[in-house]
Amino acid sequence: MYKMLAIDIDDTLINDDKQITPGTKQALSQAMAQGVIVTIATGRMYASAQQLANQLELNVPLITYQGSLVKNAIDGAVLYERTVPETAARLLFDYCRHNELHLQTYFDDVLYVKERNEKAISYAELSKIPFTVYPDFAELAMKPSTKLLIIDEPVKLDRVAQELRALLGQQVHITKSKPHFLEITHFEGTKGHALTYLASHFGLGLDQVVAIGDSWNDREMLEVAGLGVAMGNAVDALKEIADYVTLSNNEDGVKHVVDKFVLQNA
């Protein structure tokens, strides 16, 4: 019997119109009425995730920043937190400066950029969160960053990821949330680590957990969950390791999973 649902936001919980459909809301509401814990597991910052959590009336801890921060939706209590090691952050800041890459950093749930540009503006529109321009950007390498994000062309980021893994080894976790978003967190700042913690927090075994996602950064939580579900629109690499592939985010794929495995209406 599944007692907990952890759901990614972008291209999973929300459709291409950036909406949670009425059908999905209803299915999740029914699951919560039956005592199932429903939470969000996202690469987004907490302030952004909370906007979606409010729509679903969630009152549980949310997994944010890829798993680097687990924070309660009601009172803002921090339950689990990991920050990028300073040595790794300094190297990353230098690397991005030398290679003229757009880098964003997150400190104390604020998004910082070096300058206002197209990448920063587009990202802010997507996440519905403002950015703060910090001209002395290199100084932020010494702050405890919850996450670092590089935005560029997908093929270029694949090369960058390879180079950074060689430079940083096991100090950090490097993944993609979208083809053009390369995300860097503490090595224990993954959705898998956070989900493991949260299941334990509620006294649940991981075999009682369903995790639903669509992208590379969802891999770790699908691997640890009792039922790992990939969306119909997921990247092939995630479908390959999933226990089940549902419908796409435009076809109420999350609702389908809840009906089939939690409410057992199907």
C-alpha atoms as a PDB file:
ATOM      1  CA  MET A   1       0.000   0.000   0.000  1.00  0.00           C
ATOM      2  CA  TYR A   2       1.500   3.320  -1.053  1.00  0.00           C
ATOM      3  CA  LYS A   3       1.445   6.001   1.631  1.00  0.00           C
ATOM      4  CA  MET A   4       3.456   8.809   0.044  1.00  0.00           C
ATOM      5  CA  LEU A   5       3.658  10.521  -3.343  1.00  0.00           C
ATOM      6  CA  ALA A   6       6.642  12.681  -4.397  1.00  0.00           C
ATOM      7  CA  ILE A   7       5.958  14.567  -7.626  1.00  0.00           C
ATOM      8  CA  ASP A   8       8.238  16.670  -9.794  1.00  0.00           C
ATOM      9  CA  ILE A   9       6.769  19.993 -11.001  1.00  0.00           C
ATOM     10  CA  ASP A  10       7.948  20.978 -14.474  1.00  0.00           C
ATOM     11  CA  ASP A  11       6.711  18.709 -17.288  1.00  0.00           C
ATOM     12  CA  THR A  12       5.242  16.384 -14.650  1.00  0.00           C
ATOM     13  CA  LEU A  13       2.745  17.971 -12.259  1.00  0.00           C
ATOM     14  CA  ILE A  14       2.086  20.894 -14.601  1.00  0.00           C
ATOM     15  CA  ASN A  15       1.195  20.651 -18.285  1.00  0.00           C
ATOM     16  CA  ASP A  16       2.752  22.634 -21.125  1.00  0.00           C
ATOM     17  CA  ASP A  17       0.458  25.552 -20.253  1.00  0.00           C
ATOM     18  CA  LYS A  18       2.132  25.554 -16.794  1.00  0.00           C
ATOM     19  CA  GLN A  19      -1.138  24.528 -15.133  1.00  0.00           C
ATOM     20  CA  ILE A  20      -2.175  21.806 -12.704  1.00  0.00           C
ATOM     21  CA  THR A  21      -5.333  20.399 -14.292  1.00  0.00           C
ATOM     22  CA  PRO A  22      -8.580  20.083 -12.301  1.00  0.00           C
ATOM     23  CA  GLY A  23      -8.413  16.296 -12.745  1.00  0.00           C
ATOM     24  CA  THR A  24      -4.955  16.077 -11.233  1.00  0.00           C
ATOM     25  CA  LYS A  25      -5.934  18.353  -8.345  1.00  0.00           C
ATOM     26  CA  GLN A  26      -8.977  16.216  -7.614  1.00  0.00           C
ATOM     27  CA  ALA A  27      -7.021  12.945  -7.693  1.00  0.00           C
ATOM     28  CA  LEU A  28      -4.371  14.315  -5.324  1.00  0.00           C
ATOM     29  CA  SER A  29      -7.047  15.711  -3.023  1.00  0.00           C
ATOM     30  CA  GLN A  30      -8.685  12.285  -2.880  1.00  0.00           C
ATOM     31  CA  ALA A  31      -5.350  10.657  -2.093  1.00  0.00           C
ATOM     32  CA  MET A  32      -4.730  13.114   0.766  1.00  0.00           C
ATOM     33  CA  ALA A  33      -8.259  12.470   2.076  1.00  0.00           C
ATOM     34  CA  GLN A  34      -7.280   8.796   2.326  1.00  0.00           C
ATOM     35  CA  GLY A  35      -4.236   9.698   4.437  1.00  0.00           C
ATOM     36  CA  VAL A  36      -1.621   9.605   1.668  1.00  0.00           C
ATOM     37  CA  ILE A  37       1.191  12.150   2.074  1.00  0.00           C
ATOM     38  CA  VAL A  38       1.535  14.207  -1.115  1.00  0.00           C
ATOM     39  CA  THR A  39       4.635  16.337  -1.611  1.00  0.00           C
ATOM     40  CA  ILE A  40       6.575  18.121  -4.333  1.00  0.00           C
ATOM     41  CA  ALA A  41      10.124  17.147  -5.327  1.00  0.00           C
ATOM     42  CA  THR A  42      11.600  19.811  -7.564  1.00  0.00           C
ATOM     43  CA  GLY A  43      14.756  21.535  -8.676  1.00  0.00           C
ATOM     44  CA  ARG A  44      12.967  24.841  -8.154  1.00  0.00           C
ATOM     45  CA  MET A  45      13.688  27.063  -5.177  1.00  0.00           C
ATOM     46  CA  TYR A  46      11.403  26.813  -2.161  1.00  0.00           C
ATOM     47  CA  ALA A  47       9.568  30.105  -2.824  1.00  0.00           C
ATOM     48  CA  SER A  48       8.647  28.903  -6.312  1.00  0.00           C
ATOM     49  CA  ALA A  49       7.610  25.410  -5.182  1.00  0.00           C
ATOM     50  CA  GLN A  50       5.458  26.880  -2.422  1.00  0.00           C
ATOM     51  CA  GLN A  51       3.274  28.641  -5.018  1.00  0.00           C
ATOM     52  CA  LEU A  52       2.326  25.248  -6.491  1.00  0.00           C
ATOM     53  CA  ALA A  53       2.000  23.652  -3.055  1.00  0.00           C
ATOM     54  CA  ASN A  54      -0.522  26.329  -2.102  1.00  0.00           C
ATOM     55  CA  GLN A  55      -2.640  25.453  -5.139  1.00  0.00           C
ATOM     56  CA  LEU A  56      -2.804  21.858  -3.916  1.00  0.00           C
ATOM     57  CA  GLU A  57      -3.248  22.897  -0.274  1.00  0.00           C
ATOM     58  CA  LEU A  58      -0.219  20.868   0.797  1.00  0.00           C
ATOM     59  CA  ASN A  59       0.805  21.219   4.429  1.00  0.00           C
ATOM     60  CA  VAL A  60       3.842  18.938   4.394  1.00  0.00           C
ATOM     61  CA  PRO A  61       7.597  19.412   3.895  1.00  0.00           C
ATOM     62  CA  LEU A  62       8.580  20.161   0.286  1.00  0.00           C
ATOM     63  CA  ILE A  63      11.667  18.784  -1.474  1.00  0.00           C
ATOM     64  CA  THR A  64      13.298  21.708  -3.294  1.00  0.00           C
ATOM     65  CA  TYR A  65      16.595  22.662  -4.977  1.00  0.00           C
ATOM     66  CA  GLN A  66      16.947  19.068  -6.308  1.00  0.00           C
ATOM     67  CA  GLY A  67      16.863  17.799  -2.719  1.00  0.00           C
ATOM     68  CA  SER A  68      19.268  20.275  -1.127  1.00  0.00           C
ATOM     69  CA  LEU A  69      16.486  21.783   0.969  1.00  0.00           C
ATOM     70  CA  VAL A  70      13.496  20.102   2.604  1.00  0.00           C
ATOM     71  CA  LYS A  71      11.344  22.766   4.208  1.00  0.00           C
ATOM     72  CA  ASN A  72       7.910  22.658   5.782  1.00  0.00           C
ATOM     73  CA  ALA A  73       5.179  24.348   3.733  1.00  0.00           C
ATOM     74  CA  ILE A  74       3.291  25.523   6.823  1.00  0.00           C
ATOM     75  CA  ASP A  75       5.815  27.000   9.264  1.00  0.00           C
ATOM     76  CA  GLY A  76       8.937  27.170   7.073  1.00  0.00           C
ATOM     77  CA  ALA A  77      10.909  24.860   9.361  1.00  0.00           C
ATOM     78  CA  VAL A  78      14.026  23.456   7.653  1.00  0.00           C
ATOM     79  CA  LEU A  79      14.246  19.679   8.045  1.00  0.00           C
ATOM     80  CA  TYR A  80      17.115  18.798   5.698  1.00  0.00           C
ATOM     81  CA  GLU A  81      19.692  21.066   4.086  1.00  0.00           C
ATOM     82  CA  ARG A  82      22.912  20.626   2.117  1.00  0.00           C
ATOM     83  CA  THR A  83      24.964  23.432   0.539  1.00  0.00           C
ATOM     84  CA  VAL A  84      27.632  23.374  -2.177  1.00  0.00           C
ATOM     85  CA  PRO A  85      31.095  23.073  -0.557  1.00  0.00           C
ATOM     86  CA  GLU A  86      32.963  26.392  -0.736  1.00  0.00           C
ATOM     87  CA  THR A  87      35.989  24.887  -2.506  1.00  0.00           C
ATOM     88  CA  ALA A  88      33.716  23.535  -5.239  1.00  0.00           C
ATOM     89  CA  ALA A  89      31.755  26.799  -5.451  1.00  0.00           C
ATOM     90  CA  ARG A  90      34.928  28.871  -5.926  1.00  0.00           C
ATOM     91  CA  LEU A  91      36.084  26.577  -8.704  1.00  0.00           C
ATOM     92  CA  LEU A  92      32.668  26.723 -10.387  1.00  0.00           C
ATOM     93  CA  PHE A  93      32.534  30.522 -10.257  1.00  0.00           C
ATOM     94  CA  ASP A  94      36.038  30.723 -11.785  1.00  0.00           C
ATOM     95  CA  TYR A  95      35.201  28.151 -14.445  1.00  0.00           C
ATOM     96  CA  CYS A  96      32.044  30.004 -15.506  1.00  0.00           C
ATOM     97  CA  ARG A  97      33.844  33.347 -15.588  1.00  0.00           C
ATOM     98  CA  HIS A  98      36.679  31.996 -17.744  1.00  0.00           C
ATOM     99  CA  ASN A  99      34.263  30.242 -20.094  1.00  0.00           C
ATOM    100  CA  GLU A 100      31.753  33.116 -20.202  1.00  0.00           C
ATOM    101  CA  LEU A 101      28.886  30.950 -18.978  1.00  0.00           C
ATOM    102  CA  HIS A 102      25.688  32.251 -17.401  1.00  0.00           C
ATOM    103  CA  LEU A 103      25.758  31.166 -13.749  1.00  0.00           C
ATOM    104  CA  GLN A 104      23.010  31.629 -11.154  1.00  0.00           C
ATOM    105  CA  THR A 105      23.391  31.023  -7.444  1.00  0.00           C
ATOM    106  CA  TYR A 106      20.833  30.589  -4.696  1.00  0.00           C
ATOM    107  CA  PHE A 107      21.492  31.741  -1.158  1.00  0.00           C
ATOM    108  CA  ASP A 108      18.887  32.032   1.594  1.00  0.00           C
ATOM    109  CA  ASP A 109      16.141  31.348  -0.989  1.00  0.00           C
ATOM    110  CA  VAL A 110      17.122  34.328  -3.148  1.00  0.00           C
ATOM    111  CA  LEU A 111      18.164  33.948  -6.800  1.00  0.00           C
ATOM    112  CA  TYR A 112      21.319  35.935  -7.675  1.00  0.00           C
ATOM    113  CA  VAL A 113      22.754  36.714 -11.114  1.00  0.00           C
ATOM    114  CA  LYS A 114      25.724  38.814 -12.214  1.00  0.00           C
ATOM    115  CA  GLU A 115      23.720  40.851 -14.714  1.00  0.00           C
ATOM    116  CA  ARG A 116      20.266  41.234 -16.149  1.00  0.00           C
ATOM    117  CA  ASN A 117      20.149  39.303 -19.414  1.00  0.00           C
ATOM    118  CA  GLU A 118      17.849  37.156 -21.547  1.00  0.00           C
ATOM    119  CA  LYS A 119      18.681  33.943 -19.669  1.00  0.00           C
ATOM    120  CA  ALA A 120      17.927  35.461 -16.267  1.00  0.00           C
ATOM    121  CA  ILE A 121      14.686  37.038 -17.500  1.00  0.00           C
ATOM    122  CA  SER A 122      13.431  33.808 -19.141  1.00  0.00           C
ATOM    123  CA  TYR A 123      14.254  31.761 -16.051  1.00  0.00           C
ATOM    124  CA  ALA A 124      12.467  34.212 -13.756  1.00  0.00           C
ATOM    125  CA  GLU A 125       9.363  34.062 -15.943  1.00  0.00           C
ATOM    126  CA  LEU A 126       9.377  30.258 -15.841  1.00  0.00           C
ATOM    127  CA  SER A 127       9.791  29.976 -12.075  1.00  0.00           C
ATOM    128  CA  LYS A 128       7.679  33.073 -11.303  1.00  0.00           C
ATOM    129  CA  ILE A 129      10.442  34.293  -8.988  1.00  0.00           C
ATOM    130  CA  PRO A 130      12.394  37.576  -9.320  1.00  0.00           C
ATOM    131  CA  PHE A 131      16.178  37.618  -9.601  1.00  0.00           C
ATOM    132  CA  THR A 132      18.617  39.898  -7.803  1.00  0.00           C
ATOM    133  CA  VAL A 133      21.539  41.414  -9.724  1.00  0.00           C
ATOM    134  CA  TYR A 134      24.755  41.230  -7.676  1.00  0.00           C
ATOM    135  CA  PRO A 135      27.582  43.014  -9.574  1.00  0.00           C
ATOM    136  CA  ASP A 136      30.366  41.685  -7.294  1.00  0.00           C
ATOM    137  CA  PHE A 137      29.195  38.206  -8.210  1.00  0.00           C
ATOM    138  CA  ALA A 138      32.438  36.389  -7.332  1.00  0.00           C
ATOM    139  CA  GLU A 139      31.889  37.291  -3.661  1.00  0.00           C
ATOM    140  CA  LEU A 140      28.905  34.936  -3.595  1.00  0.00           C
ATOM    141  CA  ALA A 141      31.210  31.931  -4.060  1.00  0.00           C
ATOM    142  CA  MET A 142      31.936  32.263  -0.338  1.00  0.00           C
ATOM    143  CA  LYS A 143      28.261  32.100   0.637  1.00  0.00           C
ATOM    144  CA  PRO A 144      26.631  28.716   1.361  1.00  0.00           C
ATOM    145  CA  SER A 145      24.856  28.187  -1.988  1.00  0.00           C
ATOM    146  CA  THR A 146      21.894  25.837  -1.940  1.00  0.00           C
ATOM    147  CA  LYS A 147      22.317  25.307  -5.676  1.00  0.00           C
ATOM    148  CA  LEU A 148      24.259  26.610  -8.671  1.00  0.00           C
ATOM    149  CA  LEU A 149      22.687  26.666 -12.128  1.00  0.00           C
ATOM    150  CA  ILE A 150      24.317  27.124 -15.547  1.00  0.00           C
ATOM    151  CA  ILE A 151      22.070  27.962 -18.505  1.00  0.00           C
ATOM    152  CA  ASP A 152      23.254  27.322 -22.075  1.00  0.00           C
ATOM    153  CA  GLU A 153      22.755  25.187 -25.173  1.00  0.00           C
ATOM    154  CA  PRO A 154      22.181  21.464 -24.412  1.00  0.00           C
ATOM    155  CA  VAL A 155      25.194  20.116 -26.332  1.00  0.00           C
ATOM    156  CA  LYS A 156      27.505  22.684 -24.761  1.00  0.00           C
ATOM    157  CA  LEU A 157      26.222  21.812 -21.286  1.00  0.00           C
ATOM    158  CA  ASP A 158      26.916  18.125 -21.870  1.00  0.00           C
ATOM    159  CA  ARG A 159      30.568  19.019 -22.463  1.00  0.00           C
ATOM    160  CA  VAL A 160      30.614  21.367 -19.466  1.00  0.00           C
ATOM    161  CA  ALA A 161      29.146  18.642 -17.243  1.00  0.00           C
ATOM    162  CA  GLN A 162      31.864  16.237 -18.318  1.00  0.00           C
ATOM    163  CA  GLU A 163      34.605  18.782 -17.562  1.00  0.00           C
ATOM    164  CA  LEU A 164      33.130  19.728 -14.193  1.00  0.00           C
ATOM    165  CA  ARG A 165      32.781  16.110 -13.094  1.00  0.00           C
ATOM    166  CA  ALA A 166      36.480  15.622 -13.861  1.00  0.00           C
ATOM    167  CA  LEU A 167      37.388  18.787 -11.929  1.00  0.00           C
ATOM    168  CA  LEU A 168      35.151  18.310  -8.905  1.00  0.00           C
ATOM    169  CA  GLY A 169      34.971  14.555  -8.488  1.00  0.00           C
ATOM    170  CA  GLN A 170      32.577  13.504  -5.729  1.00  0.00           C
ATOM    171  CA  GLN A 171      32.246  16.927  -4.058  1.00  0.00           C
ATOM    172  CA  VAL A 172      29.018  17.779  -5.861  1.00  0.00           C
ATOM    173  CA  HIS A 173      26.079  16.286  -7.709  1.00  0.00           C
ATOM    174  CA  ILE A 174      25.707  17.466 -11.322  1.00  0.00           C
ATOM    175  CA  THR A 175      22.497  16.885 -13.236  1.00  0.00           C
ATOM    176  CA  LYS A 176      20.100  18.400 -15.751  1.00  0.00           C
ATOM    177  CA  SER A 177      16.538  19.446 -14.965  1.00  0.00           C
ATOM    178  CA  LYS A 178      15.942  20.563 -18.545  1.00  0.00           C
ATOM    179  CA  PRO A 179      18.210  20.179 -21.612  1.00  0.00           C
ATOM    180  CA  HIS A 180      19.519  23.751 -21.167  1.00  0.00           C
ATOM    181  CA  PHE A 181      19.707  23.770 -17.336  1.00  0.00           C
ATOM    182  CA  LEU A 182      22.806  22.265 -15.688  1.00  0.00           C
ATOM    183  CA  GLU A 183      22.353  22.093 -11.925  1.00  0.00           C
ATOM    184  CA  ILE A 184      25.057  21.651  -9.299  1.00  0.00           C
ATOM    185  CA  THR A 185      24.324  20.744  -5.664  1.00  0.00           C
ATOM    186  CA  HIS A 186      26.038  19.114  -2.684  1.00  0.00           C
ATOM    187  CA  PHE A 187      26.589  15.406  -3.406  1.00  0.00           C
ATOM    188  CA  GLU A 188      23.836  14.603  -0.879  1.00  0.00           C
ATOM    189  CA  GLY A 189      21.553  17.268  -2.379  1.00  0.00           C
ATOM    190  CA  THR A 190      19.646  14.923  -4.694  1.00  0.00           C
ATOM    191  CA  LYS A 191      15.960  14.100  -4.781  1.00  0.00           C
ATOM    192  CA  GLY A 192      16.874  10.560  -3.802  1.00  0.00           C
ATOM    193  CA  HIS A 193      18.652  11.658  -0.605  1.00  0.00           C
ATOM    194  CA  ALA A 194      15.840  14.044   0.313  1.00  0.00           C
ATOM    195  CA  LEU A 195      13.114  11.480  -0.371  1.00  0.00           C
ATOM    196  CA  THR A 196      14.929   8.892   1.737  1.00  0.00           C
ATOM    197  CA  TYR A 197      15.102  11.404   4.583  1.00  0.00           C
ATOM    198  CA  LEU A 198      11.457  12.435   4.256  1.00  0.00           C
ATOM    199  CA  ALA A 199      10.120   8.874   4.187  1.00  0.00           C
ATOM    200  CA  SER A 200      12.044   8.178   7.390  1.00  0.00           C
ATOM    201  CA  HIS A 201      10.741  11.436   8.898  1.00  0.00           C
ATOM    202  CA  PHE A 202       7.185  10.150   8.449  1.00  0.00           C
ATOM    203  CA  GLY A 203       8.067   6.649   9.633  1.00  0.00           C
ATOM    204  CA  LEU A 204       7.564   5.120   6.208  1.00  0.00           C
ATOM    205  CA  GLY A 205       9.596   2.585   4.295  1.00  0.00           C
ATOM    206  CA  LEU A 206      10.721   3.549   0.806  1.00  0.00           C
ATOM    207  CA  ASP A 207       8.638   0.651  -0.509  1.00  0.00           C
ATOM    208  CA  GLN A 208       5.581   2.714   0.487  1.00  0.00           C
ATOM    209  CA  VAL A 209       6.640   5.671  -1.675  1.00  0.00           C
ATOM    210  CA  VAL A 210       5.726   6.571  -5.271  1.00  0.00           C
ATOM    211  CA  ALA A 211       8.027   9.020  -7.100  1.00  0.00           C
ATOM    212  CA  ILE A 212       6.981  10.612 -10.407  1.00  0.00           C
ATOM    213  CA  GLY A 213       9.261  12.597 -12.733  1.00  0.00           C
ATOM    214  CA  ASP A 214      10.351  13.303 -16.278  1.00  0.00           C
ATOM    215  CA  SER A 215      13.997  14.338 -16.399  1.00  0.00           C
ATOM    216  CA  TRP A 216      17.579  13.382 -15.567  1.00  0.00           C
ATOM    217  CA  ASN A 217      17.399  15.011 -12.130  1.00  0.00           C
ATOM    218  CA  ASP A 218      14.542  12.668 -11.144  1.00  0.00           C
ATOM    219  CA  ARG A 219      16.663   9.542 -11.557  1.00  0.00           C
ATOM    220  CA  GLU A 220      17.795   9.251  -7.939  1.00  0.00           C
ATOM    221  CA  MET A 221      14.297   9.477  -6.475  1.00  0.00           C
ATOM    222  CA  LEU A 222      12.876   6.975  -8.949  1.00  0.00           C
ATOM    223  CA  GLU A 223      15.670   4.592  -8.000  1.00  0.00           C
ATOM    224  CA  VAL A 224      14.980   4.744  -4.240  1.00  0.00           C
ATOM    225  CA  ALA A 225      11.155   4.818  -4.361  1.00  0.00           C
ATOM    226  CA  GLY A 226       9.122   1.646  -4.113  1.00  0.00           C
ATOM    227  CA  LEU A 227       7.417   2.656  -7.350  1.00  0.00           C
ATOM    228  CA  GLY A 228       9.427   4.882  -9.685  1.00  0.00           C
ATOM    229  CA  VAL A 229       7.245   6.389 -12.421  1.00  0.00           C
ATOM    230  CA  ALA A 230       8.423   8.174 -15.569  1.00  0.00           C
ATOM    231  CA  MET A 231       6.066  10.464 -17.458  1.00  0.00           C
ATOM    232  CA  GLY A 232       5.136   9.619 -21.038  1.00  0.00           C
ATOM    233  CA  ASN A 233       7.087  12.731 -22.046  1.00  0.00           C
ATOM    234  CA  ALA A 234      10.137  11.787 -19.938  1.00  0.00           C
ATOM    235  CA  VAL A 235      13.654  11.534 -21.311  1.00  0.00           C
ATOM    236  CA  ASP A 236      14.498   8.028 -22.505  1.00  0.00           C
ATOM    237  CA  ALA A 237      17.173   7.587 -19.828  1.00  0.00           C
ATOM    238  CA  LEU A 238      14.514   7.922 -17.120  1.00  0.00           C
ATOM    239  CA  LYS A 239      12.022   5.630 -18.827  1.00  0.00           C
ATOM    240  CA  GLU A 240      14.701   2.946 -18.948  1.00  0.00           C
ATOM    241  CA  ILE A 241      15.068   2.822 -15.148  1.00  0.00           C
ATOM    242  CA  ALA A 242      11.400   3.444 -14.254  1.00  0.00           C
ATOM    243  CA  ASP A 243       9.119   0.751 -12.841  1.00  0.00           C
ATOM    244  CA  TYR A 244       6.213   2.217 -14.786  1.00  0.00           C
ATOM    245  CA  VAL A 245       5.710   4.752 -17.594  1.00  0.00           C
ATOM    246  CA  THR A 246       2.507   6.778 -17.335  1.00  0.00           C
ATOM    247  CA  LEU A 247       0.781   9.175 -19.734  1.00  0.00           C
ATOM    248  CA  SER A 248       2.327  12.533 -20.591  1.00  0.00           C
ATOM    249  CA  ASN A 249       2.002  15.749 -18.590  1.00  0.00           C
ATOM    250  CA  ASN A 250      -0.587  16.940 -21.142  1.00  0.00           C
ATOM    251  CA  GLU A 251      -2.677  13.784 -20.640  1.00  0.00           C
ATOM    252  CA  ASP A 252      -3.042  13.870 -16.837  1.00  0.00           C
ATOM    253  CA  GLY A 253      -0.191  11.396 -16.361  1.00  0.00           C
ATOM    254  CA  VAL A 254      -0.015  12.103 -12.618  1.00  0.00           C
ATOM    255  CA  LYS A 255      -3.774  11.550 -12.211  1.00  0.00           C
ATOM    256  CA  HIS A 256      -3.434   8.236 -14.057  1.00  0.00           C
ATOM    257  CA  VAL A 257      -0.789   7.062 -11.549  1.00  0.00           C
ATOM    258  CA  VAL A 258      -2.825   8.149  -8.531  1.00  0.00           C
ATOM    259  CA  ASP A 259      -5.962   6.432  -9.865  1.00  0.00           C
ATOM    260  CA  LYS A 260      -4.148   3.225 -10.785  1.00  0.00           C
ATOM    261  CA  PHE A 261      -1.793   2.726  -7.849  1.00  0.00           C
ATOM    262  CA  VAL A 262      -3.137   4.795  -4.972  1.00  0.00           C
ATOM    263  CA  LEU A 263      -6.901   5.111  -5.343  1.00  0.00           C
ATOM    264  CA  GLN A 264      -7.004   1.892  -7.407  1.00  0.00           C
ATOM    265  CA  ASN A 265      -9.849   3.122  -9.568  1.00  0.00           C
ATOM    266  CA  ALA A 266      -8.366   1.599 -12.703  1.00  0.00           C
END
